[in-house]
Protein backbone atom coordinates (compact mmCIF):
# COMPACT_ATOMS: atom_id res chain seq x y z
CA UNK A 1 -43.04 76.23 -186.59
CA UNK A 2 -43.93 72.92 -184.95
CA UNK A 3 -40.71 71.21 -186.03
CA UNK A 4 -38.65 74.14 -184.81
CA UNK A 5 -40.34 74.12 -181.42
CA UNK A 6 -39.83 70.37 -181.08
CA UNK A 7 -36.14 70.82 -181.77
CA UNK A 8 -35.93 73.59 -179.20
CA UNK A 9 -37.66 71.38 -176.69
CA UNK A 10 -35.25 68.53 -177.35
CA UNK A 11 -32.26 70.86 -176.94
CA UNK A 12 -33.68 72.27 -173.69
CA UNK A 13 -32.80 69.12 -171.77
CA UNK A 14 -30.69 66.98 -174.09
CA UNK A 15 -27.98 66.61 -171.49
CA UNK A 16 -30.48 65.67 -168.79
CA UNK A 17 -32.61 62.97 -170.34
CA UNK A 18 -31.22 62.48 -173.82
CA UNK A 19 -29.93 59.01 -172.97
CA UNK A 20 -33.33 57.74 -171.79
CA UNK A 21 -34.56 55.35 -174.52
CA UNK A 22 -38.22 55.77 -173.50
CA UNK A 23 -38.23 59.42 -174.58
CA UNK A 24 -38.74 58.74 -178.25
CA UNK A 25 -39.56 61.11 -181.10
CA UNK A 26 -43.18 59.95 -180.89
CA UNK A 27 -43.30 61.07 -177.26
CA UNK A 28 -42.10 64.49 -178.31
CA UNK A 29 -44.55 64.64 -181.19
CA UNK A 30 -47.55 63.67 -179.08
CA UNK A 31 -46.62 66.10 -176.33
CA UNK A 32 -46.08 68.89 -178.84
CA UNK A 33 -49.53 68.34 -180.36
CA UNK A 34 -51.04 69.01 -176.96
CA UNK A 35 -48.83 72.04 -176.37
CA UNK A 36 -49.57 73.37 -179.83
CA UNK A 37 -53.16 74.04 -178.80
CA UNK A 38 -52.00 76.45 -176.16
CA UNK A 39 -50.38 79.32 -178.03
CA UNK A 40 -46.74 79.77 -176.97
CA UNK A 41 -46.75 77.52 -173.88
CA UNK A 42 -44.08 75.33 -175.46
CA UNK A 43 -41.63 78.22 -175.53
CA UNK A 44 -42.26 78.89 -171.85
CA UNK A 45 -41.62 75.25 -171.05
CA UNK A 46 -38.17 75.27 -172.63
CA UNK A 47 -37.15 77.30 -169.60
CA UNK A 48 -38.59 74.71 -167.23
CA UNK A 49 -36.71 71.48 -168.10
CA UNK A 50 -37.58 69.76 -164.82
CA UNK A 51 -41.26 70.35 -165.42
CA UNK A 52 -40.88 69.20 -169.06
CA UNK A 53 -39.47 65.89 -167.90
CA UNK A 54 -42.51 65.47 -165.69
CA UNK A 55 -44.83 66.15 -168.60
CA UNK A 56 -43.01 63.66 -170.80
CA UNK A 57 -43.24 61.03 -168.13
CA UNK A 58 -46.97 61.73 -167.88
CA UNK A 59 -47.26 61.38 -171.65
CA UNK A 60 -45.48 58.04 -171.58
CA UNK A 61 -47.68 56.77 -168.76
CA UNK A 62 -50.84 58.13 -170.35
CA UNK A 63 -51.60 60.33 -167.32
CA UNK A 64 -51.45 63.74 -168.89
CA UNK A 65 -52.48 66.56 -166.52
CA UNK A 66 -55.92 67.94 -167.44
CA UNK A 67 -55.09 71.57 -166.60
CA UNK A 68 -51.71 72.06 -168.15
CA UNK A 69 -52.10 75.81 -168.44
CA UNK A 70 -52.35 76.30 -164.67
CA UNK A 71 -49.05 74.53 -164.12
CA UNK A 72 -47.15 75.98 -167.06
CA UNK A 73 -47.99 79.52 -165.98
CA UNK A 74 -45.69 79.17 -163.01
CA UNK A 75 -48.42 80.35 -160.66
CA UNK A 76 -47.21 77.93 -158.00
CA UNK A 77 -43.81 79.66 -158.03
CA UNK A 78 -45.43 82.78 -156.56
CA UNK A 79 -45.08 82.58 -152.78
CA UNK A 80 -45.79 84.97 -149.93
CA UNK A 81 -42.06 85.37 -149.37
CA UNK A 82 -41.50 86.20 -153.06
CA UNK A 83 -44.30 88.75 -153.08
CA UNK A 84 -42.96 90.46 -149.96
CA UNK A 85 -39.47 90.59 -151.48
CA UNK A 86 -40.88 92.12 -154.67
CA UNK A 87 -42.83 94.70 -152.64
CA UNK A 88 -39.70 95.53 -150.65
CA UNK A 89 -37.78 96.24 -153.86
CA UNK A 90 -40.71 98.25 -155.22
CA UNK A 91 -40.56 100.40 -152.07
CA UNK A 92 -36.78 100.62 -152.04
CA UNK A 93 -36.19 101.82 -155.61
CA UNK A 94 -39.56 103.48 -156.23
CA UNK A 95 -42.41 102.70 -158.61
CA UNK A 96 -40.95 104.25 -161.75
CA UNK A 97 -37.58 102.56 -161.38
CA UNK A 98 -39.30 99.23 -160.67
CA UNK A 99 -41.40 99.50 -163.84
CA UNK A 100 -38.39 100.50 -165.94
CA UNK A 101 -36.26 97.68 -164.56
CA UNK A 102 -38.79 94.94 -165.30
CA UNK A 103 -40.63 96.43 -168.29
CA UNK A 104 -44.05 97.08 -166.74
CA UNK A 105 -46.46 99.97 -166.63
CA UNK A 106 -48.98 101.13 -164.05
CA UNK A 107 -51.86 98.69 -163.67
CA UNK A 108 -55.12 99.62 -165.36
CA UNK A 109 -57.35 97.52 -163.14
CA UNK A 110 -55.91 95.30 -160.39
CA UNK A 111 -53.75 96.67 -157.58
CA UNK A 112 -52.26 94.84 -154.61
CA UNK A 113 -52.85 96.91 -151.47
CA UNK A 114 -50.59 96.53 -148.43
CA UNK A 115 -50.23 98.87 -145.46
CA UNK A 116 -52.25 101.53 -147.24
CA UNK A 117 -50.10 101.53 -150.37
CA UNK A 118 -51.07 100.26 -153.83
CA UNK A 119 -48.78 98.13 -156.02
CA UNK A 120 -49.25 97.02 -159.63
CA UNK A 121 -50.34 93.41 -159.07
CA UNK A 122 -49.04 91.99 -162.33
CA UNK A 123 -45.59 93.52 -161.90
CA UNK A 124 -45.30 92.30 -158.30
CA UNK A 125 -46.53 88.78 -159.17
CA UNK A 126 -44.14 88.40 -162.10
CA UNK A 127 -41.11 89.43 -160.09
CA UNK A 128 -42.25 87.17 -157.25
CA UNK A 129 -42.54 84.29 -159.72
CA UNK A 130 -38.94 84.83 -160.89
CA UNK A 131 -37.82 84.86 -157.25
CA UNK A 132 -39.63 81.55 -156.72
CA UNK A 133 -38.01 80.09 -159.82
CA UNK A 134 -34.60 81.34 -158.60
CA UNK A 135 -33.85 83.04 -161.87
CA UNK A 136 -33.79 86.62 -163.21
CA UNK A 137 -37.10 87.94 -164.48
CA UNK A 138 -37.55 87.86 -168.26
CA UNK A 139 -40.45 88.35 -170.64
CA UNK A 140 -40.27 84.67 -171.52
CA UNK A 141 -41.96 83.87 -168.18
CA UNK A 142 -44.28 86.88 -168.12
CA UNK A 143 -47.70 86.14 -166.62
CA UNK A 144 -51.01 87.74 -167.51
CA UNK A 145 -52.52 89.90 -164.80
CA UNK A 146 -56.15 88.77 -164.85
CA UNK A 147 -58.34 87.57 -162.02
CA UNK A 148 -57.98 83.94 -163.07
CA UNK A 149 -54.18 84.08 -162.92
CA UNK A 150 -52.02 86.27 -160.70
CA UNK A 151 -54.91 88.03 -158.96
CA UNK A 152 -56.34 84.72 -157.80
CA UNK A 153 -52.93 83.54 -156.66
CA UNK A 154 -52.22 86.74 -154.71
CA UNK A 155 -55.59 86.55 -152.98
CA UNK A 156 -55.04 82.88 -152.18
CA UNK A 157 -51.80 83.89 -150.45
CA UNK A 158 -53.77 86.29 -148.28
CA UNK A 159 -52.99 89.57 -150.06
CA UNK A 160 -55.67 92.19 -150.75
CA UNK A 161 -56.14 92.93 -154.45
CA UNK A 162 -58.52 95.69 -155.48
CA UNK A 163 -60.26 96.31 -158.79
CA UNK A 164 -59.64 99.99 -159.44
CA UNK A 165 -60.92 100.17 -163.00
CA UNK A 166 -63.27 102.95 -161.87
CA UNK A 167 -61.63 106.20 -160.89
CA UNK A 168 -62.12 107.41 -157.30
CA UNK A 169 -64.28 110.44 -156.55
CA UNK A 170 -62.57 113.80 -156.65
CA UNK A 171 -61.21 114.93 -153.27
CA UNK A 172 -61.19 118.43 -151.85
CA UNK A 173 -57.68 119.38 -152.96
CA UNK A 174 -58.40 118.25 -156.52
CA UNK A 175 -61.60 120.28 -156.60
CA UNK A 176 -59.81 123.36 -155.25
CA UNK A 177 -57.33 123.13 -158.13
CA UNK A 178 -60.08 122.54 -160.71
CA UNK A 179 -62.15 125.45 -159.40
CA UNK A 180 -59.10 127.69 -159.43
CA UNK A 181 -58.48 126.77 -163.07
CA UNK A 182 -62.12 127.49 -163.92
CA UNK A 183 -61.90 130.87 -162.22
CA UNK A 184 -58.98 131.94 -164.44
CA UNK A 185 -61.57 132.69 -167.12
CA UNK A 186 -65.17 131.80 -166.15
CA UNK A 187 -66.59 133.28 -169.36
CA UNK A 188 -64.48 130.91 -171.45
CA UNK A 189 -62.80 128.14 -169.42
CA UNK A 190 -59.69 126.44 -170.90
CA UNK A 191 -60.56 123.72 -173.43
CA UNK A 192 -59.56 120.06 -173.51
CA UNK A 193 -56.61 120.73 -175.80
CA UNK A 194 -55.27 123.63 -173.73
CA UNK A 195 -51.92 123.53 -171.98
CA UNK A 196 -53.59 124.59 -168.72
CA UNK A 197 -55.87 121.53 -168.67
CA UNK A 198 -53.00 119.19 -169.61
CA UNK A 199 -50.81 120.69 -166.87
CA UNK A 200 -53.52 120.21 -164.25
CA UNK A 201 -54.03 116.62 -165.40
CA UNK A 202 -50.31 115.94 -164.90
CA UNK A 203 -50.37 117.63 -161.50
CA UNK A 204 -53.35 115.60 -160.28
CA UNK A 205 -51.70 112.36 -161.38
CA UNK A 206 -48.55 113.28 -159.47
CA UNK A 207 -50.67 114.13 -156.42
CA UNK A 208 -52.23 110.68 -156.59
CA UNK A 209 -48.85 108.94 -156.77
CA UNK A 210 -47.48 111.01 -153.89
CA UNK A 211 -50.39 109.84 -151.76
CA UNK A 212 -49.41 106.21 -152.51
CA UNK A 213 -52.30 105.70 -154.93
CA UNK A 214 -52.45 104.26 -158.42
CA UNK A 215 -53.09 106.03 -161.71
CA UNK A 216 -54.19 104.90 -165.15
CA UNK A 217 -54.79 106.33 -168.61
CA UNK A 218 -58.26 107.45 -167.54
CA UNK A 219 -57.32 108.87 -164.14
CA UNK A 220 -57.80 112.65 -164.18
CA UNK A 221 -56.97 112.81 -167.87
CA UNK A 222 -57.66 115.95 -169.90
CA UNK A 223 -61.24 114.86 -170.60
CA UNK A 224 -61.87 114.27 -166.90
CA UNK A 225 -60.36 117.63 -165.88
CA UNK A 226 -62.39 119.50 -168.47
CA UNK A 227 -65.62 117.74 -167.49
CA UNK A 228 -65.03 118.60 -163.83
CA UNK A 229 -64.65 122.26 -164.72
CA UNK A 230 -67.95 122.03 -166.57
CA UNK A 231 -69.56 120.46 -163.47
CA UNK A 232 -68.33 123.44 -161.45
CA UNK A 233 -69.57 125.92 -164.05
CA UNK A 234 -73.09 124.54 -163.55
CA UNK A 235 -72.84 125.90 -159.97
CA UNK A 236 -71.86 129.39 -161.14
CA UNK A 237 -74.81 131.84 -160.83
CA UNK A 238 -73.21 134.05 -163.48
CA UNK A 239 -73.54 131.15 -165.91
CA UNK A 240 -76.98 129.86 -164.93
CA UNK A 241 -78.42 133.42 -164.82
CA UNK A 242 -78.03 133.52 -168.59
CA UNK A 243 -80.52 130.68 -168.86
CA UNK A 244 -77.75 128.23 -169.66
CA UNK A 245 -77.77 124.71 -168.30
CA UNK A 246 -74.56 123.11 -169.51
CA UNK A 247 -73.39 119.94 -167.82
CA UNK A 248 -74.99 118.59 -164.67
CA UNK A 249 -73.59 120.02 -161.47
CA UNK A 250 -71.18 117.77 -159.59
CA UNK A 251 -71.76 115.95 -156.33
CA UNK A 252 -72.09 117.18 -152.77
CA UNK A 253 -68.39 117.97 -152.28
CA UNK A 254 -68.32 120.19 -155.38
CA UNK A 255 -71.16 122.25 -153.87
CA UNK A 256 -69.38 122.43 -150.51
CA UNK A 257 -66.14 123.66 -152.09
CA UNK A 258 -68.01 126.20 -154.24
CA UNK A 259 -69.88 127.53 -151.18
CA UNK A 260 -66.62 127.77 -149.21
CA UNK A 261 -64.95 130.02 -151.74
CA UNK A 262 -67.78 131.97 -153.39
CA UNK A 263 -66.84 135.66 -153.23
CA UNK A 264 -63.57 134.62 -151.59
CA UNK A 265 -61.67 134.05 -154.81
CA UNK A 266 -58.40 135.46 -153.42
CA UNK A 267 -58.50 132.79 -150.70
CA UNK A 268 -59.15 130.17 -153.39
CA UNK A 269 -56.13 131.32 -155.40
CA UNK A 270 -53.95 131.29 -152.26
CA UNK A 271 -55.04 127.80 -151.21
CA UNK A 272 -54.65 126.45 -154.75
CA UNK A 273 -51.15 127.92 -154.98
CA UNK A 274 -50.20 126.29 -151.66
CA UNK A 275 -51.43 122.89 -152.84
CA UNK A 276 -49.79 123.26 -156.23
CA UNK A 277 -46.44 124.26 -154.73
CA UNK A 278 -46.48 121.31 -152.32
CA UNK A 279 -47.06 118.86 -155.18
CA UNK A 280 -44.60 120.41 -157.61
CA UNK A 281 -41.87 120.58 -154.98
CA UNK A 282 -42.24 116.98 -153.78
CA UNK A 283 -39.71 114.49 -155.13
CA UNK A 284 -41.52 111.29 -156.11
CA UNK A 285 -38.46 109.08 -155.83
CA UNK A 286 -37.78 110.20 -152.26
CA UNK A 287 -41.42 110.19 -151.17
CA UNK A 288 -42.04 106.72 -152.59
CA UNK A 289 -39.54 105.29 -150.11
CA UNK A 290 -41.38 106.72 -147.11
CA UNK A 291 -44.38 105.06 -145.42
CA UNK A 292 -47.85 106.15 -146.51
CA UNK A 293 -49.44 108.38 -143.87
CA UNK A 294 -53.17 108.48 -143.24
CA UNK A 295 -54.73 111.47 -141.42
CA UNK A 296 -55.54 111.15 -137.74
CA UNK A 297 -59.19 111.29 -136.75
CA UNK A 298 -60.15 114.97 -136.64
CA UNK A 299 -57.44 116.12 -139.04
CA UNK A 300 -58.41 117.96 -142.19
CA UNK A 301 -56.14 115.77 -144.29
CA UNK A 302 -55.36 116.72 -147.87
CA UNK A 303 -52.19 116.35 -149.88
CA UNK A 304 -50.24 118.88 -147.78
CA UNK A 305 -50.92 117.00 -144.55
CA UNK A 306 -50.24 113.60 -146.13
CA UNK A 307 -46.89 114.74 -147.56
CA UNK A 308 -45.93 116.44 -144.32
CA UNK A 309 -46.55 113.28 -142.30
CA UNK A 310 -44.70 111.10 -144.79
CA UNK A 311 -41.60 113.26 -144.36
CA UNK A 312 -41.97 112.85 -140.60
CA UNK A 313 -41.87 109.07 -140.94
CA UNK A 314 -38.27 108.92 -142.11
CA UNK A 315 -36.99 106.38 -139.56
CA UNK A 316 -33.35 107.42 -139.95
CA UNK A 317 -34.03 111.10 -139.24
CA UNK A 318 -36.28 110.28 -136.30
CA UNK A 319 -33.56 108.13 -134.72
CA UNK A 320 -30.89 110.81 -135.30
CA UNK A 321 -33.07 113.56 -133.80
CA UNK A 322 -33.88 111.49 -130.70
CA UNK A 323 -30.22 110.55 -130.28
CA UNK A 324 -29.13 114.20 -130.52
CA UNK A 325 -31.73 115.19 -127.92
CA UNK A 326 -30.67 112.39 -125.57
CA UNK A 327 -27.02 113.43 -125.83
CA UNK A 328 -28.02 117.01 -125.00
CA UNK A 329 -30.01 115.72 -122.04
CA UNK A 330 -33.29 117.35 -123.17
CA UNK A 331 -35.89 114.84 -124.32
CA UNK A 332 -39.02 116.92 -123.71
CA UNK A 333 -41.81 118.51 -125.74
CA UNK A 334 -40.71 121.85 -127.21
CA UNK A 335 -44.22 123.27 -126.80
CA UNK A 336 -45.54 122.18 -123.40
CA UNK A 337 -42.39 120.74 -121.81
CA UNK A 338 -43.87 117.28 -121.20
CA UNK A 339 -41.17 114.69 -120.39
CA UNK A 340 -42.17 111.06 -120.94
CA UNK A 341 -39.47 109.73 -118.60
CA UNK A 342 -40.61 111.98 -115.77
CA UNK A 343 -44.20 110.82 -116.25
CA UNK A 344 -43.64 107.11 -116.96
CA UNK A 345 -40.18 106.32 -115.61
CA UNK A 346 -38.16 103.72 -117.51
CA UNK A 347 -41.09 103.02 -119.83
CA UNK A 348 -40.94 106.57 -121.19
CA UNK A 349 -37.15 106.89 -121.21
CA UNK A 350 -35.89 108.27 -124.52
CA UNK A 351 -39.36 108.50 -126.07
CA UNK A 352 -40.60 111.61 -127.86
CA UNK A 353 -42.36 112.24 -131.18
CA UNK A 354 -40.67 114.08 -134.03
CA UNK A 355 -42.38 116.85 -136.01
CA UNK A 356 -41.25 118.50 -139.27
CA UNK A 357 -41.49 122.25 -138.65
CA UNK A 358 -41.28 123.35 -142.31
CA UNK A 359 -44.56 123.18 -144.29
CA UNK A 360 -44.07 121.01 -147.38
CA UNK A 361 -45.18 123.79 -149.72
CA UNK A 362 -42.14 125.82 -148.60
CA UNK A 363 -39.61 123.06 -149.26
CA UNK A 364 -37.30 123.26 -152.26
CA UNK A 365 -37.51 120.26 -154.61
CA UNK A 366 -35.15 117.44 -153.57
CA UNK A 367 -33.95 119.44 -150.54
CA UNK A 368 -32.59 117.34 -147.69
CA UNK A 369 -34.18 117.54 -144.26
CA UNK A 370 -31.78 118.68 -141.53
CA UNK A 371 -32.11 117.91 -137.83
CA UNK A 372 -32.83 121.61 -137.27
CA UNK A 373 -35.94 121.18 -139.45
CA UNK A 374 -37.35 118.79 -136.84
CA UNK A 375 -38.91 119.49 -133.46
CA UNK A 376 -39.61 117.24 -130.47
CA UNK A 377 -43.28 117.13 -129.51
CA UNK A 378 -45.39 115.10 -127.12
CA UNK A 379 -48.27 113.14 -128.64
CA UNK A 380 -50.87 115.77 -127.66
CA UNK A 381 -49.00 118.74 -129.13
CA UNK A 382 -48.16 116.73 -132.23
CA UNK A 383 -51.85 115.99 -132.81
CA UNK A 384 -52.70 119.67 -132.36
CA UNK A 385 -49.98 120.64 -134.84
CA UNK A 386 -51.78 118.55 -137.45
CA UNK A 387 -55.33 119.73 -136.81
CA UNK A 388 -55.33 122.18 -139.74
CA UNK A 389 -54.61 121.73 -143.43
CA UNK A 390 -51.27 123.52 -143.05
CA UNK A 391 -49.56 122.37 -139.82
CA UNK A 392 -49.35 124.94 -137.03
CA UNK A 393 -45.96 126.42 -136.16
CA UNK A 394 -44.43 126.00 -132.71
CA UNK A 395 -45.16 129.64 -131.74
CA UNK A 396 -48.79 129.17 -132.80
CA UNK A 397 -49.06 126.04 -130.66
CA UNK A 398 -47.51 127.77 -127.66
CA UNK A 399 -49.92 130.69 -128.07
CA UNK A 400 -52.88 128.29 -128.25
CA UNK A 401 -51.87 126.45 -125.06
CA UNK A 402 -54.32 127.28 -122.29
CA UNK A 403 -52.10 126.32 -119.37
CA UNK A 404 -48.65 127.70 -118.50
CA UNK A 405 -45.55 125.80 -119.58
CA UNK A 406 -43.78 124.32 -116.52
């Protein structure tokens, strides 16, 4: 193994330094002994002939670098520019395609967070390293994703990297779906191995990805879904009245959701169906290319609102809708009639916000948004449209308006 590696190392830069008489076999042997203590570093170095020459020169001079592993990792090849280029590709082709192209999976612990969106830190750093090395990415230069390697480098470059090894608390939409599943058969809820629990696990993972979040093997897996149903069962008077204790009841939000729907099970089923339809109908590849949208202050939020606002942030459609309105000579709010140019002069010329009038749970999977699916709203009316979990329609907004439309 050692002899083979030495030969490979010689061949790596024979044409570059082979004529230098100072690079003797002893130099190679001594260098290899040092490299041999570091697993497969020698193989990595065969792809870095310039760096190898530097190491050999250090060996000859007796000034061998004390922290070889830091330099051989290629950490210094990761630059801010490379990271941003990797992120741009990640956004452009989508998470799944990015992982398939470069042979990575979703991160289990560390995620790079930028503009509200999470990226697998190891995947981004490795692609950024290849960009810095000006070569295609390959497993021969693959870096580990720990805190001492790429995480430290990314943070040193000013990027935020979060440890997400612990799963986030369940949100309202997730609890609505879990409670709805429990209510399908309270006397005997679906078990861990049931298709219903597995399907909900898959749905919750897709919901997380659609919101721009990260998932892992433990995120809302079948065990987690089943345990949450058992938490909800502990709130069921029909269960506790039998003197049964079961699992400990969940947190405050579980109790709030239970209280909201107790004896209103038809409303629960309707809300759960709306959430489920919105998630199932959303195309991950398309959504991944749109900016992440956070709720405004005062909005109820939830997956429906987040998806709706992401569709509204399609820059191409917004520009086309505004252009069509300008050509028609009507750039005013379709609810209250407010005209930014009339109010602000040149500063407001051509400005108007764009609202998607179709609720996401009514959209057909992979359907394309048409200009007729969009409405022009002023900032006030747009905020009011998003006050509820399911956005208000234009007629509903007009009916709610307390002053006459000019």
